Amino acid sequence: MGLELGKIKIKRFADGEIYVQLQESVRGCDVYLVQPTCPPANENLMELLIMIDACRRASAKNITAVIPYFGYARADRKTQGRESIAAKLVANLITEAGANRVLACDLHSGQSMGYFDIPVDHVYGQPVILDYLASKTICSDDLVVVSPDVGGVARARAFAKKLSDAPLAIVDKRRHGHNVAEVMNLIGDVKGKVAVMVDDMIDTAGTIAKGAALLHQEGAREVYACSTHAVFRYF
């Protein structure tokens, strides 16, 4: 956009509290706060909320929270008793802090948009991934799009349509706990094909790694893993 980043002072107190002070006037301005809630998720989320509050109290005209990776989106429904729907809670916090609009990229589930009581612009990383695959000049007859789990079938099917309606395969996995995945079976044919696994995020990479191993066992010639959000951390 040809603009310089706005000046802002952010520091931590000794007890870990976050302090935010804008270093220039935003009165009557359209403010865009770019802050993904990637690891450390809680720190980044709290920082975003305080920044929104600071802008609101400084009389900004409109505040748009640009959140490339929207954390807590996986907690979007109750699958067991006594669980929190944290995605709705975080949406409420951002709204109550004073944001007028949210822009997010490849939300984990579409219903997360409905958790906000303010407008949400949902953009997709798909065109970037498609351009990358096009640069590899893979024959369309050799491609098969793979969903790493049953929950991602709709996403993978939409992606396959953009790749000349490529065939679809599904990895059936059984999860024994959070961040623990075990691949059990493959639905579809990948023998001699270039398998493109599509997911919205890679966290521990357990699903992707085990899925890739299964695809090679089933005869895939090559395996590509495509993901918008690489939220894993190196240790």
Protein backbone atom coordinates (compact mmCIF):
# COMPACT_ATOMS: atom_id res chain seq x y z
CA MET A 1 0.00 0.00 0.00
CA GLY A 2 3.04 2.27 0.07
CA LEU A 3 2.51 3.15 3.73
CA GLU A 4 4.87 3.02 6.67
CA LEU A 5 3.93 1.01 9.73
CA GLY A 6 2.28 3.07 12.43
CA LYS A 7 4.41 3.80 15.46
CA ILE A 8 3.46 1.90 18.60
CA LYS A 9 5.15 1.13 21.91
CA ILE A 10 4.66 -2.33 23.36
CA LYS A 11 6.40 -3.60 26.47
CA ARG A 12 5.97 -6.14 29.25
CA PHE A 13 5.83 -5.38 32.94
CA ALA A 14 7.78 -7.57 35.35
CA ASP A 15 4.70 -9.72 36.02
CA GLY A 16 4.12 -10.31 32.31
CA GLU A 17 1.35 -7.74 31.77
CA ILE A 18 1.30 -6.09 28.35
CA TYR A 19 1.56 -2.31 27.96
CA VAL A 20 0.55 -0.61 24.71
CA GLN A 21 0.80 3.07 23.75
CA LEU A 22 0.21 4.53 20.29
CA GLN A 23 3.02 6.87 19.29
CA GLU A 24 0.98 8.92 16.81
CA SER A 25 -2.56 10.21 16.43
CA VAL A 26 -5.19 7.90 14.94
CA ARG A 27 -8.14 10.22 15.56
CA GLY A 28 -10.68 9.85 12.75
CA CYS A 29 -8.48 7.30 10.94
CA ASP A 30 -9.16 3.85 9.51
CA VAL A 31 -6.80 1.64 11.51
CA TYR A 32 -5.69 -1.83 10.41
CA LEU A 33 -4.11 -3.95 13.14
CA VAL A 34 -2.20 -6.90 11.68
CA GLN A 35 -1.83 -9.57 14.34
CA PRO A 36 -2.05 -13.34 13.83
CA THR A 37 -2.78 -15.32 16.99
CA CYS A 38 -0.05 -17.85 16.27
CA PRO A 39 2.22 -19.21 19.07
CA PRO A 40 2.41 -17.88 21.70
CA ALA A 41 -1.34 -17.70 21.06
CA ASN A 42 -2.45 -16.23 24.38
CA GLU A 43 0.24 -13.52 24.35
CA ASN A 44 -0.60 -12.47 20.79
CA LEU A 45 -4.34 -12.52 21.42
CA MET A 46 -4.07 -10.37 24.54
CA GLU A 47 -1.76 -7.96 22.73
CA LEU A 48 -4.32 -7.64 19.93
CA LEU A 49 -7.16 -6.94 22.37
CA ILE A 50 -5.19 -4.22 24.15
CA MET A 51 -4.15 -2.64 20.84
CA ILE A 52 -7.79 -2.54 19.72
CA ASP A 53 -8.79 -0.93 23.00
CA ALA A 54 -5.99 1.65 22.71
CA CYS A 55 -7.11 2.60 19.19
CA ARG A 56 -10.76 2.87 20.23
CA ARG A 57 -9.88 5.13 23.15
CA ALA A 58 -7.73 7.23 20.80
CA SER A 59 -10.87 7.95 18.70
CA ALA A 60 -10.04 5.87 15.63
CA LYS A 61 -12.83 6.03 13.05
CA ASN A 62 -12.77 2.33 12.13
CA ILE A 63 -10.66 -0.52 13.50
CA THR A 64 -10.08 -3.58 11.33
CA ALA A 65 -8.39 -6.54 13.01
CA VAL A 66 -6.38 -8.33 10.32
CA ILE A 67 -5.89 -11.82 11.77
CA PRO A 68 -4.17 -14.04 9.17
CA TYR A 69 -4.31 -17.00 11.56
CA PHE A 70 -7.33 -17.01 13.86
CA GLY A 71 -6.39 -19.04 16.92
CA TYR A 72 -8.89 -21.11 18.91
CA ALA A 73 -10.83 -21.76 15.68
CA ARG A 74 -10.59 -25.50 16.29
CA ALA A 75 -12.75 -25.14 19.40
CA ASP A 76 -15.76 -24.26 17.24
CA ARG A 77 -18.33 -26.73 18.65
CA LYS A 78 -19.01 -29.06 21.53
CA THR A 79 -18.15 -32.66 20.73
CA GLN A 80 -18.19 -33.79 24.36
CA GLY A 81 -19.84 -32.59 27.54
CA ARG A 82 -18.47 -29.69 29.59
CA GLU A 83 -16.37 -28.25 26.75
CA SER A 84 -15.90 -24.59 25.90
CA ILE A 85 -16.65 -23.14 22.45
CA ALA A 86 -13.53 -20.98 22.64
CA ALA A 87 -13.86 -19.72 19.04
CA LYS A 88 -17.08 -17.92 20.01
CA LEU A 89 -15.48 -16.57 23.19
CA VAL A 90 -12.51 -15.12 21.28
CA ALA A 91 -14.86 -13.59 18.69
CA ASN A 92 -16.78 -11.91 21.53
CA LEU A 93 -13.57 -10.59 23.07
CA ILE A 94 -12.42 -9.02 19.79
CA THR A 95 -15.84 -7.44 19.27
CA GLU A 96 -16.11 -6.13 22.82
CA ALA A 97 -12.58 -4.72 22.66
CA GLY A 98 -13.82 -2.39 19.94
CA ALA A 99 -13.02 -3.89 16.53
CA ASN A 100 -15.39 -2.83 13.74
CA ARG A 101 -14.36 -5.49 11.25
CA VAL A 102 -12.25 -8.65 11.05
CA LEU A 103 -10.21 -9.97 8.13
CA ALA A 104 -9.05 -13.59 8.45
CA CYS A 105 -7.43 -16.12 6.15
CA ASP A 106 -8.52 -19.76 5.76
CA LEU A 107 -10.52 -20.11 8.94
CA HIS A 108 -10.55 -23.66 10.30
CA SER A 109 -14.31 -23.85 9.82
CA GLY A 110 -16.79 -21.62 8.04
CA GLN A 111 -19.09 -21.33 11.04
CA SER A 112 -16.45 -19.26 12.86
CA MET A 113 -17.52 -16.30 10.71
CA GLY A 114 -20.96 -16.51 12.29
CA TYR A 115 -19.51 -16.20 15.78
CA PHE A 116 -18.71 -12.53 15.16
CA ASP A 117 -21.34 -9.83 15.56
CA ILE A 118 -19.29 -7.60 13.23
CA PRO A 119 -18.49 -8.04 9.51
CA VAL A 120 -15.87 -10.66 8.65
CA ASP A 121 -13.90 -10.79 5.41
CA HIS A 122 -12.68 -14.33 4.78
CA VAL A 123 -9.84 -14.63 2.26
CA TYR A 124 -8.16 -17.78 0.98
CA GLY A 125 -4.56 -18.87 0.45
CA GLN A 126 -5.64 -21.27 -2.30
CA PRO A 127 -4.49 -19.11 -5.29
CA VAL A 128 -0.92 -19.00 -3.96
CA ILE A 129 -0.78 -22.78 -3.58
CA LEU A 130 -2.31 -23.30 -7.03
CA ASP A 131 0.32 -21.03 -8.59
CA TYR A 132 3.06 -23.03 -6.87
CA LEU A 133 1.70 -26.34 -8.15
CA ALA A 134 1.35 -24.87 -11.64
CA SER A 135 5.06 -24.00 -11.57
CA LYS A 136 5.83 -27.71 -11.04
CA THR A 137 4.24 -28.53 -14.43
CA ILE A 138 2.66 -31.74 -13.17
CA CYS A 139 0.48 -33.52 -15.73
CA SER A 140 -3.16 -33.14 -14.72
CA ASP A 141 -3.76 -36.87 -15.33
CA ASP A 142 -1.15 -37.69 -12.67
CA LEU A 143 -2.67 -35.54 -9.93
CA VAL A 144 -4.81 -36.71 -7.04
CA VAL A 145 -5.88 -34.41 -4.21
CA VAL A 146 -5.84 -35.97 -0.75
CA SER A 147 -7.76 -34.86 2.32
CA PRO A 148 -5.70 -35.75 5.43
CA ASP A 149 -8.91 -36.39 7.39
CA VAL A 150 -12.64 -36.75 6.84
CA GLY A 151 -13.31 -33.25 8.19
CA GLY A 152 -11.29 -31.66 5.39
CA VAL A 153 -13.11 -33.36 2.49
CA ALA A 154 -15.08 -30.25 1.46
CA ARG A 155 -11.87 -28.18 1.41
CA ALA A 156 -10.02 -30.82 -0.62
CA ARG A 157 -12.92 -31.22 -3.07
CA ALA A 158 -13.03 -27.47 -3.73
CA PHE A 159 -9.26 -27.52 -4.27
CA ALA A 160 -9.51 -30.50 -6.65
CA LYS A 161 -12.03 -28.64 -8.82
CA LYS A 162 -9.44 -25.90 -9.36
CA LEU A 163 -6.96 -28.56 -10.53
CA SER A 164 -8.94 -29.65 -13.59
CA ASP A 165 -11.36 -31.56 -11.36
CA ALA A 166 -8.63 -33.92 -10.13
CA PRO A 167 -9.71 -37.14 -8.39
CA LEU A 168 -10.00 -37.18 -4.61
CA ALA A 169 -8.65 -39.50 -1.93
CA ILE A 170 -9.28 -39.44 1.81
CA VAL A 171 -7.08 -40.52 4.70
CA ASP A 172 -9.22 -42.14 7.39
CA LYS A 173 -7.58 -41.59 10.77
CA ARG A 174 -8.59 -42.33 14.31
CA ARG A 175 -7.62 -39.74 16.90
CA HIS A 176 -6.84 -40.94 20.41
CA GLY A 177 -6.30 -37.49 21.91
CA HIS A 178 -5.45 -33.87 21.09
CA ASN A 179 -2.44 -33.59 18.75
CA VAL A 180 -2.25 -37.39 18.50
CA ALA A 181 -3.31 -38.92 15.18
CA GLU A 182 -3.12 -42.46 13.88
CA VAL A 183 -3.65 -43.20 10.20
CA MET A 184 -5.80 -46.25 9.64
CA ASN A 185 -6.86 -46.44 6.01
CA LEU A 186 -6.88 -44.73 2.60
CA ILE A 187 -10.06 -44.22 0.63
CA GLY A 188 -9.20 -43.78 -3.06
CA ASP A 189 -6.39 -44.69 -5.48
CA VAL A 190 -2.99 -42.94 -5.47
CA LYS A 191 -0.84 -45.61 -7.11
CA GLY A 192 1.64 -44.01 -9.51
CA LYS A 193 0.11 -40.58 -8.88
CA VAL A 194 1.37 -37.27 -7.53
CA ALA A 195 -0.57 -36.87 -4.30
CA VAL A 196 -1.32 -33.33 -3.08
CA MET A 197 -2.40 -33.24 0.57
CA VAL A 198 -4.39 -30.12 1.42
CA ASP A 199 -5.02 -28.85 4.94
CA ASP A 200 -5.68 -25.48 6.55
CA MET A 201 -2.98 -25.77 9.22
CA ILE A 202 -0.03 -27.87 10.32
CA ASP A 203 0.41 -28.00 14.08
CA THR A 204 2.46 -31.00 15.26
CA ALA A 205 2.64 -32.35 11.66
CA GLY A 206 1.56 -35.78 12.96
CA THR A 207 -1.38 -36.00 10.58
CA ILE A 208 0.63 -34.84 7.55
CA ALA A 209 3.66 -37.04 8.29
CA LYS A 210 1.65 -40.22 8.88
CA GLY A 211 -0.58 -39.43 5.93
CA ALA A 212 2.47 -39.01 3.66
CA ALA A 213 3.88 -42.32 4.87
CA LEU A 214 0.59 -44.06 4.07
CA LEU A 215 0.43 -42.49 0.59
CA HIS A 216 3.94 -43.77 -0.21
CA GLN A 217 2.94 -47.22 1.05
CA GLU A 218 -0.06 -47.12 -1.28
CA GLY A 219 2.22 -46.37 -4.26
CA ALA A 220 2.14 -42.58 -4.64
CA ARG A 221 5.00 -41.37 -6.85
CA GLU A 222 5.36 -38.02 -5.10
CA VAL A 223 3.64 -36.36 -2.16
CA TYR A 224 3.13 -32.61 -1.71
CA ALA A 225 1.84 -31.17 1.55
CA CYS A 226 0.00 -27.86 1.10
CA SER A 227 -1.10 -25.78 4.06
CA THR A 228 -1.93 -22.14 4.71
CA HIS A 229 -1.00 -21.96 8.38
CA ALA A 230 2.27 -23.41 9.61
CA VAL A 231 1.64 -22.94 13.33
CA PHE A 232 4.14 -25.57 14.46
CA ARG A 233 7.23 -24.42 16.36
CA TYR A 234 10.79 -25.64 16.24
CA PHE A 235 12.24 -26.85 19.53
